[in-house]
Protein backbone atom coordinates (compact mmCIF):
# COMPACT_ATOMS: atom_id res chain seq x y z
CA ALA A 1 14.62 -96.67 -69.02
CA ARG A 2 15.83 -96.91 -65.48
CA PRO A 3 13.28 -98.34 -63.00
CA ASN A 4 12.19 -96.22 -60.01
CA GLY A 5 11.84 -99.26 -57.77
CA ILE A 6 10.31 -102.67 -57.56
CA LEU A 7 6.59 -102.82 -58.34
CA ASP A 8 4.55 -103.86 -55.30
CA GLU A 9 0.97 -103.66 -56.48
CA TYR A 10 -1.50 -102.82 -59.22
CA VAL A 11 -4.92 -101.34 -58.42
CA VAL A 12 -7.70 -101.06 -61.03
CA TYR A 13 -10.36 -98.35 -60.74
CA ARG A 14 -13.74 -98.02 -62.46
CA ARG A 15 -15.95 -94.97 -62.81
CA ASP A 16 -19.56 -95.03 -63.98
CA ALA A 17 -21.46 -92.06 -65.42
CA PRO A 18 -21.22 -89.12 -64.67
CA PHE A 19 -17.47 -90.01 -64.55
CA VAL A 20 -16.36 -87.84 -61.64
CA GLY A 21 -14.08 -88.63 -58.73
CA ALA A 22 -11.37 -91.20 -58.27
CA GLY A 23 -13.53 -94.22 -59.07
CA ARG A 24 -13.98 -97.36 -57.04
CA VAL A 25 -11.46 -100.15 -56.67
CA ILE A 26 -12.49 -103.20 -58.70
CA GLY A 27 -9.22 -105.10 -58.60
CA ARG A 28 -6.01 -105.24 -56.61
CA SER A 29 -3.02 -107.49 -57.24
CA SER A 30 0.33 -107.88 -55.53
CA ASP A 31 1.30 -110.41 -58.23
CA VAL A 32 2.84 -107.78 -60.50
CA SER A 33 3.64 -110.39 -63.16
CA VAL A 34 -0.10 -110.34 -63.95
CA ASN A 35 -1.14 -107.20 -65.81
CA THR A 36 -4.68 -108.13 -66.75
CA THR A 37 -8.02 -108.44 -64.96
CA THR A 38 -11.50 -109.51 -65.99
CA VAL A 39 -14.41 -107.19 -65.17
CA THR A 40 -17.85 -108.79 -64.87
CA GLY A 41 -21.34 -107.54 -64.12
CA LEU A 42 -21.28 -104.74 -66.68
CA VAL A 43 -24.43 -103.48 -68.39
CA PRO A 44 -24.77 -103.86 -72.20
CA TYR A 45 -24.13 -100.75 -74.33
CA THR A 46 -22.95 -98.73 -71.33
CA THR A 47 -19.88 -96.51 -71.08
CA TYR A 48 -17.33 -96.98 -68.29
CA ASP A 49 -14.00 -95.39 -67.31
CA PHE A 50 -11.03 -97.50 -66.15
CA ALA A 51 -7.62 -96.54 -64.74
CA VAL A 52 -4.65 -98.45 -63.28
CA GLU A 53 -2.46 -97.43 -60.34
CA SER A 54 1.08 -98.83 -60.02
CA SER A 55 2.86 -98.77 -56.67
CA THR A 56 6.40 -99.18 -55.37
CA ARG A 57 7.75 -98.59 -51.88
CA GLY A 58 8.50 -95.06 -53.02
CA GLY A 59 4.90 -94.23 -53.87
CA SER A 60 2.31 -94.70 -56.56
CA THR A 61 1.00 -93.15 -59.75
CA THR A 62 -2.30 -93.58 -61.53
CA SER A 63 -2.94 -93.62 -65.27
CA SER A 64 -5.47 -91.37 -66.94
CA PHE A 65 -8.91 -92.89 -67.23
CA ALA A 66 -9.67 -94.70 -70.50
CA GLN A 67 -13.30 -94.80 -71.59
CA PHE A 68 -14.94 -97.91 -73.05
CA ARG A 69 -18.45 -98.91 -74.08
CA THR A 70 -19.71 -102.46 -73.72
CA ALA A 71 -21.21 -104.22 -76.74
CA GLU A 72 -24.88 -104.11 -77.68
CA SER A 73 -27.13 -106.91 -76.52
CA VAL A 74 -30.69 -108.14 -76.97
CA PRO A 75 -33.33 -105.55 -75.98
CA GLN A 76 -35.26 -106.18 -72.76
CA GLY A 77 -38.74 -105.14 -71.75
CA VAL A 78 -40.44 -105.46 -75.14
CA LEU A 79 -44.15 -105.03 -74.50
CA PRO A 80 -46.83 -106.52 -76.76
CA PRO A 81 -48.35 -104.17 -79.33
CA ALA A 82 -51.71 -102.51 -78.86
CA VAL A 83 -54.26 -103.27 -81.57
CA VAL A 84 -56.58 -100.57 -82.88
CA VAL A 85 -59.42 -101.76 -85.12
CA GLU A 86 -59.78 -99.24 -87.92
CA SER A 87 -62.47 -101.03 -89.90
CA ALA A 88 -63.73 -104.52 -90.80
CA SER A 89 -60.59 -105.10 -92.93
CA VAL A 90 -57.91 -102.86 -91.33
CA ILE A 91 -56.15 -102.87 -87.98
CA ARG A 92 -53.35 -100.66 -86.73
CA LEU A 93 -50.61 -101.99 -84.44
CA VAL A 94 -48.98 -99.56 -82.00
CA TRP A 95 -45.90 -100.46 -79.93
CA ARG A 96 -43.39 -98.79 -77.65
CA GLU A 97 -39.63 -98.86 -77.60
CA PRO A 98 -38.20 -101.53 -75.27
CA THR A 99 -37.78 -100.37 -71.66
CA THR A 100 -34.07 -101.30 -71.86
CA PRO A 101 -32.84 -101.03 -75.48
CA ASN A 102 -29.29 -102.31 -74.69
CA GLY A 103 -28.12 -100.65 -77.91
CA VAL A 104 -29.34 -98.74 -80.93
CA ILE A 105 -32.82 -99.69 -82.14
CA ALA A 106 -32.58 -99.38 -85.92
């Protein structure tokens, strides 16, 4: 393939739900020998869209967005169970789902 010019810059975009618009810039690099970036501060078990823009002096083009989901993590906001005394020898425990499941509760 014949190049269209010398690469000047990469720009990385991220979109959060509801996945509309161009996304926000989360990385920019004029060192075009580096084609990787690390994204931090993501929420467990959450879906994100990412795209990359490549630029030359002649212009730029942006990839389609690729969708990824972060891994599951430990649930947060687990409240203690409520205890209901049924009789002298039986109790019933009642609990709620965690406020932030961070994955599938199975």
